[in-house]
Protein backbone atom coordinates (compact mmCIF):
# COMPACT_ATOMS: atom_id res chain seq x y z
CA UNK A 1 -8.55 -24.05 -23.49
CA UNK A 2 -11.78 -22.68 -24.58
CA UNK A 3 -11.22 -18.96 -23.80
CA UNK A 4 -13.34 -16.16 -25.01
CA UNK A 5 -11.25 -13.82 -27.33
CA UNK A 6 -12.28 -10.15 -27.02
CA UNK A 7 -11.14 -7.31 -29.36
CA UNK A 8 -9.00 -4.44 -28.12
CA UNK A 9 -11.94 -2.01 -29.11
CA UNK A 10 -14.42 -3.96 -26.87
CA UNK A 11 -15.76 -1.23 -24.33
CA UNK A 12 -15.50 -3.89 -21.47
CA UNK A 13 -11.75 -4.38 -22.28
CA UNK A 14 -11.18 -0.51 -22.39
CA UNK A 15 -12.97 -0.06 -19.19
CA UNK A 16 -11.18 -2.92 -17.42
CA UNK A 17 -7.85 -1.85 -18.76
CA UNK A 18 -8.26 1.70 -17.76
CA UNK A 19 -9.22 0.75 -14.17
CA UNK A 20 -6.29 -1.35 -13.93
CA UNK A 21 -3.84 1.15 -15.28
CA UNK A 22 -5.39 3.88 -12.91
CA UNK A 23 -5.03 1.42 -9.94
CA UNK A 24 -1.44 0.82 -10.78
CA UNK A 25 -0.60 4.42 -11.05
CA UNK A 26 -2.15 5.01 -7.58
CA UNK A 27 -0.10 2.21 -6.16
CA UNK A 28 3.18 3.67 -7.62
CA UNK A 29 2.19 7.31 -6.41
CA UNK A 30 1.31 6.16 -2.86
CA UNK A 31 4.43 4.17 -2.64
CA UNK A 32 6.49 7.40 -2.97
CA UNK A 33 4.64 9.34 -0.37
CA UNK A 34 5.48 9.26 3.39
CA UNK A 35 2.61 8.03 5.24
CA UNK A 36 3.39 10.49 8.27
CA UNK A 37 6.11 12.90 8.97
CA UNK A 38 7.61 12.01 12.22
CA UNK A 39 11.02 13.45 11.76
CA UNK A 40 10.49 16.23 14.26
CA UNK A 41 9.31 13.99 17.09
CA UNK A 42 11.54 12.63 19.67
CA UNK A 43 11.94 8.73 19.56
CA UNK A 44 11.02 6.63 22.27
CA UNK A 45 12.81 3.29 22.45
CA UNK A 46 11.04 0.37 23.98
CA UNK A 47 14.26 -0.98 25.45
CA UNK A 48 14.34 2.44 27.46
CA UNK A 49 10.97 2.02 29.15
CA UNK A 50 10.89 1.60 32.81
CA UNK A 51 10.82 -1.95 34.14
CA UNK A 52 7.12 -1.58 35.39
CA UNK A 53 5.76 -0.91 31.84
CA UNK A 54 7.58 -3.55 30.14
CA UNK A 55 5.52 -6.61 29.10
CA UNK A 56 6.17 -9.73 30.95
CA UNK A 57 7.42 -12.50 28.61
CA UNK A 58 5.96 -15.95 28.80
């Protein structure tokens, strides 16, 4: 394997690492936030729809 070795102080390495860490932080933060709050809405179950609006199964 002929891989290029870069030093930890290399500005490109620092930039790429910082970007990766920021991306991972955002992924963790967004996974803990509800996408929408629908707790106060009444739920409509598809099984309760009238027969005329149910899709026809092939």
